């Protein structure tokens, strides 16, 4: 009886080993099949995305969005520039550096005074 039991157990182990081997092989083949499906579907999906991208690009939406973004960046740049100029003017004013307008006013006053001095000098030269 022990011999029969041992043969039955050996047959059972052999069947189990064959079943496990077949299951491993099936998992391997399923993995390869999944990889092949992803590769085929991936190409198809890629081609579909390229076609949609061309259509989207041709619609002008992308250019419109780019122009809107560019306009926003320029507007922000102008605000930053204006803020920097205001801050620079305030700092220079605190330090005592005259503004562009103040310098032009001073130049005009100096030119007017120079003209008066020259007129007085000519008049004195003529009187002599």
Protein backbone atom coordinates (compact mmCIF):
# COMPACT_ATOMS: atom_id res chain seq x y z
CA UNK A 1 0.00 0.00 0.00
CA UNK A 2 2.83 2.32 0.66
CA UNK A 3 4.11 1.78 -2.81
CA UNK A 4 0.73 2.67 -4.30
CA UNK A 5 0.54 5.76 -2.13
CA UNK A 6 4.00 6.80 -3.17
CA UNK A 7 3.21 6.31 -6.87
CA UNK A 8 0.02 8.30 -6.52
CA UNK A 9 1.89 11.09 -4.74
CA UNK A 10 4.64 11.07 -7.41
CA UNK A 11 2.01 11.24 -10.15
CA UNK A 12 0.28 14.06 -8.30
CA UNK A 13 3.57 15.99 -7.94
CA UNK A 14 4.34 15.42 -11.62
CA UNK A 15 0.89 16.74 -12.58
CA UNK A 16 1.33 19.72 -10.25
CA UNK A 17 4.76 20.46 -11.73
CA UNK A 18 3.36 20.26 -15.28
CA UNK A 19 0.40 22.48 -14.34
CA UNK A 20 2.70 25.07 -12.75
CA UNK A 21 5.01 24.97 -15.73
CA UNK A 22 2.08 25.45 -18.10
CA UNK A 23 0.68 28.30 -15.94
CA UNK A 24 4.09 30.02 -16.00
CA UNK A 25 4.25 29.60 -19.76
CA UNK A 26 0.72 31.04 -20.10
CA UNK A 27 1.65 34.06 -17.96
CA UNK A 28 4.74 34.61 -20.14
CA UNK A 29 2.67 34.40 -23.33
CA UNK A 30 0.00 36.70 -21.89
CA UNK A 31 2.72 39.23 -21.03
CA UNK A 32 4.09 39.07 -24.56
CA UNK A 33 0.57 39.46 -25.95
CA UNK A 34 -0.05 42.50 -23.75
CA UNK A 35 3.22 44.03 -24.90
CA UNK A 36 2.31 43.45 -28.56
CA UNK A 37 -1.15 44.96 -28.00
CA UNK A 38 0.31 48.03 -26.30
CA UNK A 39 2.81 48.45 -29.13
CA UNK A 40 0.08 48.23 -31.78
CA UNK A 41 -2.33 50.44 -29.86
CA UNK A 42 0.50 52.80 -28.98
CA UNK A 43 1.30 53.38 -32.64
CA UNK A 44 -2.36 53.88 -33.42
CA UNK A 45 -2.80 56.24 -30.47
CA UNK A 46 0.30 58.18 -31.49
CA UNK A 47 -0.93 58.57 -35.05
CA UNK A 48 -4.34 59.68 -33.76
CA UNK A 49 -2.71 62.28 -31.50
CA UNK A 50 -0.57 63.60 -34.37
CA UNK A 51 -3.67 63.98 -36.55
CA UNK A 52 -5.51 65.81 -33.77
CA UNK A 53 -2.47 68.03 -33.19
CA UNK A 54 -2.36 69.00 -36.86
CA UNK A 55 -6.06 69.81 -36.79
CA UNK A 56 -5.65 71.86 -33.60
CA UNK A 57 -2.65 73.72 -35.02
CA UNK A 58 -4.52 74.50 -38.25
CA UNK A 59 -7.51 75.84 -36.33
CA UNK A 60 -5.47 78.83 -35.14
CA UNK A 61 -6.38 78.25 -31.50
CA UNK A 62 -2.76 77.68 -30.61
CA UNK A 63 -1.65 80.92 -32.25
CA UNK A 64 -4.47 82.80 -30.53
CA UNK A 65 -3.46 81.39 -27.14
CA UNK A 66 0.18 82.24 -27.84
CA UNK A 67 -0.75 85.82 -28.77
CA UNK A 68 -2.87 86.16 -25.63
CA UNK A 69 -0.03 84.88 -23.47
CA UNK A 70 2.44 87.20 -25.20
CA UNK A 71 0.15 90.18 -24.60
CA UNK A 72 -0.18 89.27 -20.93
CA UNK A 73 3.59 88.96 -20.55
CA UNK A 74 4.09 92.35 -22.21
CA UNK A 75 1.47 93.96 -19.96
CA UNK A 76 3.16 92.51 -16.90
CA UNK A 77 6.51 93.73 -18.22
CA UNK A 78 5.13 97.26 -18.62
CA UNK A 79 3.77 97.21 -15.07
CA UNK A 80 7.06 95.95 -13.68
CA UNK A 81 8.99 98.55 -15.68
CA UNK A 82 6.68 101.32 -14.48
CA UNK A 83 7.04 100.15 -10.89
CA UNK A 84 10.82 100.04 -11.19
CA UNK A 85 10.91 103.53 -12.70
CA UNK A 86 8.69 104.91 -9.93
CA UNK A 87 10.85 103.26 -7.29
CA UNK A 88 14.05 104.53 -8.93
CA UNK A 89 12.66 108.06 -9.13
CA UNK A 90 11.65 107.96 -5.48
CA UNK A 91 15.08 106.70 -4.38
CA UNK A 92 16.92 109.29 -6.49
CA UNK A 93 14.64 112.04 -5.18
CA UNK A 94 15.35 111.01 -1.57
CA UNK A 95 19.09 111.11 -2.27
CA UNK A 96 18.74 114.55 -3.84
CA UNK A 97 19.36 113.69 -7.48
CA UNK A 98 17.22 115.95 -9.70
CA UNK A 99 14.71 114.42 -12.08
CA UNK A 100 14.87 114.64 -15.86
CA UNK A 101 12.25 117.41 -15.87
CA UNK A 102 14.07 119.34 -13.13
CA UNK A 103 17.33 119.17 -15.10
CA UNK A 104 15.60 120.49 -18.24
CA UNK A 105 14.07 123.32 -16.20
CA UNK A 106 17.50 124.19 -14.83
CA UNK A 107 19.03 124.09 -18.32
CA UNK A 108 16.33 126.44 -19.60
CA UNK A 109 16.92 128.81 -16.70
CA UNK A 110 20.70 128.75 -17.24
CA UNK A 111 20.22 129.45 -20.95
CA UNK A 112 17.91 132.36 -20.14
CA UNK A 113 20.41 133.76 -17.63
CA UNK A 114 23.24 133.29 -20.13
CA UNK A 115 21.28 135.21 -22.73
CA UNK A 116 20.65 138.04 -20.23
CA UNK A 117 24.31 138.14 -19.20
CA UNK A 118 25.39 138.26 -22.86
CA UNK A 119 22.89 141.04 -23.53
CA UNK A 120 24.16 143.03 -20.57
CA UNK A 121 27.78 142.42 -21.67
CA UNK A 122 27.02 143.65 -25.19
CA UNK A 123 25.23 146.67 -23.83
CA UNK A 124 28.16 147.56 -21.56
CA UNK A 125 30.61 146.99 -24.42
CA UNK A 126 28.54 149.30 -26.62
CA UNK A 127 28.39 151.95 -23.89
CA UNK A 128 32.14 152.03 -23.48
